[in-house]
Amino acid sequence: MELVELTEYIVKNLVKDQDSVEVNIAESNNVKIIQVLVSSEDISSVIGKSGIIANAVRTIVQASSYHNKLGKVRVNFDTK
């Protein structure tokens, strides 16, 4: 599973408004940056208390990247 698809699958299962989820990828200095945009009502569901859920999503995506030898990856969360 590609990193963007994996990230989108996880985040869409965390939010109420699945249609508002956008996941984009860019590359800078050999680091893949995945930008996740969700509605302002759903951002707390994605970040979680003290960032626990966001860190868990980052860990899963980074582990997948390492396992598939895709290089370094960062995941950023923001509202639309």
N, C-alpha and C. Protein backbone atom coordinates (compact mmCIF):
# COMPACT_ATOMS: atom_id res chain seq x y z
N MET A 1 0.85 -1.18 0.00
CA MET A 1 0.00 0.00 0.00
C MET A 1 0.90 1.24 0.00
N GLU A 2 0.58 2.18 -0.85
CA GLU A 2 1.35 3.41 -0.94
C GLU A 2 1.14 4.25 0.32
N LEU A 3 2.11 5.10 0.63
CA LEU A 3 2.06 5.88 1.86
C LEU A 3 0.86 6.82 1.90
N VAL A 4 0.54 7.46 0.79
CA VAL A 4 -0.60 8.38 0.75
C VAL A 4 -1.90 7.62 0.98
N GLU A 5 -2.03 6.47 0.33
CA GLU A 5 -3.24 5.67 0.49
C GLU A 5 -3.38 5.17 1.92
N LEU A 6 -2.28 4.75 2.51
CA LEU A 6 -2.29 4.28 3.89
C LEU A 6 -2.70 5.40 4.84
N THR A 7 -2.11 6.56 4.68
CA THR A 7 -2.42 7.71 5.53
C THR A 7 -3.88 8.10 5.38
N GLU A 8 -4.35 8.17 4.13
CA GLU A 8 -5.74 8.54 3.88
C GLU A 8 -6.71 7.54 4.49
N TYR A 9 -6.40 6.25 4.38
CA TYR A 9 -7.25 5.20 4.95
C TYR A 9 -7.36 5.36 6.47
N ILE A 10 -6.23 5.58 7.13
CA ILE A 10 -6.23 5.71 8.59
C ILE A 10 -7.02 6.94 9.01
N VAL A 11 -6.72 8.09 8.39
CA VAL A 11 -7.35 9.34 8.81
C VAL A 11 -8.86 9.33 8.53
N LYS A 12 -9.26 8.79 7.38
CA LYS A 12 -10.69 8.75 7.07
C LYS A 12 -11.48 7.92 8.07
N ASN A 13 -10.83 6.96 8.69
CA ASN A 13 -11.50 6.14 9.69
C ASN A 13 -11.51 6.79 11.07
N LEU A 14 -10.85 7.94 11.20
CA LEU A 14 -10.83 8.66 12.47
C LEU A 14 -11.82 9.82 12.51
N VAL A 15 -12.23 10.32 11.34
CA VAL A 15 -13.03 11.53 11.28
C VAL A 15 -14.50 11.24 10.98
N LYS A 16 -15.35 12.23 11.22
CA LYS A 16 -16.77 12.10 10.91
C LYS A 16 -17.05 12.45 9.45
N ASP A 17 -16.42 13.52 8.96
CA ASP A 17 -16.63 13.99 7.59
C ASP A 17 -15.50 13.47 6.70
N GLN A 18 -15.66 12.25 6.21
CA GLN A 18 -14.61 11.60 5.42
C GLN A 18 -14.36 12.29 4.08
N ASP A 19 -15.37 12.96 3.55
CA ASP A 19 -15.21 13.64 2.26
C ASP A 19 -14.29 14.86 2.35
N SER A 20 -14.10 15.38 3.55
CA SER A 20 -13.27 16.58 3.71
C SER A 20 -11.78 16.26 3.84
N VAL A 21 -11.42 15.00 3.89
CA VAL A 21 -10.02 14.61 4.07
C VAL A 21 -9.27 14.73 2.75
N GLU A 22 -8.14 15.45 2.79
CA GLU A 22 -7.24 15.55 1.64
C GLU A 22 -5.85 15.15 2.09
N VAL A 23 -5.19 14.33 1.29
CA VAL A 23 -3.83 13.91 1.60
C VAL A 23 -2.97 14.18 0.38
N ASN A 24 -1.92 14.97 0.56
CA ASN A 24 -1.00 15.31 -0.52
C ASN A 24 0.41 14.93 -0.11
N ILE A 25 1.27 14.72 -1.10
CA ILE A 25 2.66 14.38 -0.81
C ILE A 25 3.58 15.28 -1.62
N ALA A 26 4.67 15.68 -1.00
CA ALA A 26 5.70 16.47 -1.65
C ALA A 26 7.05 15.91 -1.19
N GLU A 27 8.09 16.25 -1.91
CA GLU A 27 9.42 15.78 -1.52
C GLU A 27 10.36 16.95 -1.43
N SER A 28 11.13 16.98 -0.35
CA SER A 28 12.09 18.05 -0.13
C SER A 28 13.32 17.46 0.54
N ASN A 29 14.47 17.62 -0.08
CA ASN A 29 15.74 17.12 0.47
C ASN A 29 15.67 15.63 0.79
N ASN A 30 15.14 14.84 -0.14
CA ASN A 30 15.02 13.39 0.00
C ASN A 30 14.13 12.96 1.15
N VAL A 31 13.24 13.84 1.59
CA VAL A 31 12.27 13.51 2.63
C VAL A 31 10.87 13.70 2.05
N LYS A 32 10.05 12.67 2.15
CA LYS A 32 8.67 12.77 1.68
C LYS A 32 7.85 13.44 2.78
N ILE A 33 7.09 14.46 2.40
CA ILE A 33 6.26 15.18 3.35
C ILE A 33 4.80 14.94 2.97
N ILE A 34 4.07 14.29 3.85
CA ILE A 34 2.66 14.01 3.62
C ILE A 34 1.85 15.06 4.39
N GLN A 35 1.06 15.82 3.66
CA GLN A 35 0.22 16.87 4.25
C GLN A 35 -1.21 16.35 4.33
N VAL A 36 -1.75 16.31 5.53
CA VAL A 36 -3.12 15.84 5.75
C VAL A 36 -3.98 17.03 6.13
N LEU A 37 -5.02 17.28 5.33
CA LEU A 37 -5.95 18.37 5.60
C LEU A 37 -7.31 17.80 5.97
N VAL A 38 -7.84 18.24 7.10
CA VAL A 38 -9.17 17.81 7.54
C VAL A 38 -9.98 19.04 7.94
N SER A 39 -11.27 18.88 8.12
CA SER A 39 -12.11 19.99 8.54
C SER A 39 -11.75 20.39 9.97
N SER A 40 -12.07 21.63 10.31
CA SER A 40 -11.73 22.13 11.65
C SER A 40 -12.49 21.37 12.75
N GLU A 41 -13.64 20.80 12.41
CA GLU A 41 -14.40 20.03 13.40
C GLU A 41 -13.74 18.68 13.70
N ASP A 42 -12.97 18.16 12.76
CA ASP A 42 -12.38 16.83 12.91
C ASP A 42 -10.91 16.83 13.34
N ILE A 43 -10.28 17.99 13.39
CA ILE A 43 -8.84 18.03 13.69
C ILE A 43 -8.53 17.45 15.07
N SER A 44 -9.43 17.67 16.03
CA SER A 44 -9.18 17.13 17.38
C SER A 44 -9.24 15.60 17.38
N SER A 45 -10.05 15.02 16.51
CA SER A 45 -10.12 13.55 16.42
C SER A 45 -8.85 12.97 15.82
N VAL A 46 -8.21 13.73 14.95
CA VAL A 46 -7.00 13.26 14.29
C VAL A 46 -5.77 13.46 15.17
N ILE A 47 -5.73 14.56 15.89
CA ILE A 47 -4.57 14.84 16.73
C ILE A 47 -4.66 14.10 18.06
N GLY A 48 -5.83 14.11 18.67
CA GLY A 48 -6.00 13.41 19.94
C GLY A 48 -5.42 14.18 21.11
N LYS A 49 -5.66 13.66 22.28
CA LYS A 49 -5.17 14.30 23.50
C LYS A 49 -3.65 14.22 23.55
N SER A 50 -3.01 15.36 23.67
CA SER A 50 -1.54 15.48 23.71
C SER A 50 -0.87 14.93 22.46
N GLY A 51 -1.61 14.84 21.36
CA GLY A 51 -1.01 14.40 20.10
C GLY A 51 -0.80 12.91 19.98
N ILE A 52 -1.43 12.13 20.84
CA ILE A 52 -1.23 10.68 20.86
C ILE A 52 -1.63 10.03 19.54
N ILE A 53 -2.79 10.38 19.01
CA ILE A 53 -3.27 9.75 17.78
C ILE A 53 -2.42 10.18 16.60
N ALA A 54 -2.08 11.46 16.52
CA ALA A 54 -1.23 11.95 15.43
C ALA A 54 0.12 11.25 15.44
N ASN A 55 0.69 11.07 16.61
CA ASN A 55 1.98 10.38 16.70
C ASN A 55 1.86 8.91 16.31
N ALA A 56 0.73 8.29 16.64
CA ALA A 56 0.52 6.89 16.25
C ALA A 56 0.41 6.77 14.73
N VAL A 57 -0.30 7.71 14.09
CA VAL A 57 -0.41 7.70 12.63
C VAL A 57 0.98 7.89 12.01
N ARG A 58 1.74 8.84 12.54
CA ARG A 58 3.11 9.06 12.04
C ARG A 58 3.95 7.79 12.16
N THR A 59 3.86 7.12 13.30
CA THR A 59 4.64 5.91 13.53
C THR A 59 4.29 4.82 12.53
N ILE A 60 3.01 4.62 12.27
CA ILE A 60 2.57 3.59 11.32
C ILE A 60 3.07 3.91 9.91
N VAL A 61 2.92 5.17 9.50
CA VAL A 61 3.35 5.57 8.15
C VAL A 61 4.87 5.47 8.03
N GLN A 62 5.60 5.89 9.04
CA GLN A 62 7.06 5.79 9.00
C GLN A 62 7.53 4.35 9.00
N ALA A 63 6.85 3.48 9.74
CA ALA A 63 7.21 2.06 9.75
C ALA A 63 6.96 1.44 8.39
N SER A 64 5.86 1.81 7.75
CA SER A 64 5.57 1.30 6.41
C SER A 64 6.62 1.77 5.41
N SER A 65 7.02 3.01 5.53
CA SER A 65 8.05 3.56 4.65
C SER A 65 9.37 2.82 4.85
N TYR A 66 9.74 2.58 6.08
CA TYR A 66 10.99 1.86 6.38
C TYR A 66 10.92 0.43 5.85
N HIS A 67 9.80 -0.23 6.09
CA HIS A 67 9.63 -1.62 5.66
C HIS A 67 9.70 -1.76 4.14
N ASN A 68 9.16 -0.79 3.43
CA ASN A 68 9.15 -0.82 1.97
C ASN A 68 10.34 -0.09 1.34
N LYS A 69 11.30 0.32 2.19
CA LYS A 69 12.52 1.01 1.74
C LYS A 69 12.21 2.23 0.89
N LEU A 70 11.29 3.07 1.39
CA LEU A 70 10.87 4.28 0.66
C LEU A 70 11.53 5.55 1.18
N GLY A 71 12.38 5.44 2.15
CA GLY A 71 13.08 6.61 2.66
C GLY A 71 12.35 7.29 3.80
N LYS A 72 12.86 8.46 4.18
CA LYS A 72 12.29 9.20 5.30
C LYS A 72 10.98 9.84 4.90
N VAL A 73 10.09 9.92 5.89
CA VAL A 73 8.77 10.52 5.64
C VAL A 73 8.34 11.31 6.87
N ARG A 74 7.69 12.44 6.62
CA ARG A 74 7.10 13.26 7.68
C ARG A 74 5.61 13.39 7.39
N VAL A 75 4.81 13.43 8.44
CA VAL A 75 3.36 13.59 8.29
C VAL A 75 2.94 14.83 9.06
N ASN A 76 2.32 15.78 8.35
CA ASN A 76 1.82 17.01 8.96
C ASN A 76 0.30 17.05 8.88
N PHE A 77 -0.33 17.51 9.94
CA PHE A 77 -1.78 17.62 10.01
C PHE A 77 -2.18 19.08 10.09
N ASP A 78 -3.24 19.45 9.35
CA ASP A 78 -3.70 20.84 9.36
C ASP A 78 -5.18 20.87 9.00
N THR A 79 -5.81 22.02 9.23
CA THR A 79 -7.22 22.19 8.85
C THR A 79 -7.32 22.88 7.50
N LYS A 80 -8.46 22.72 6.88
CA LYS A 80 -8.70 23.38 5.58
C LYS A 80 -9.01 24.83 5.78
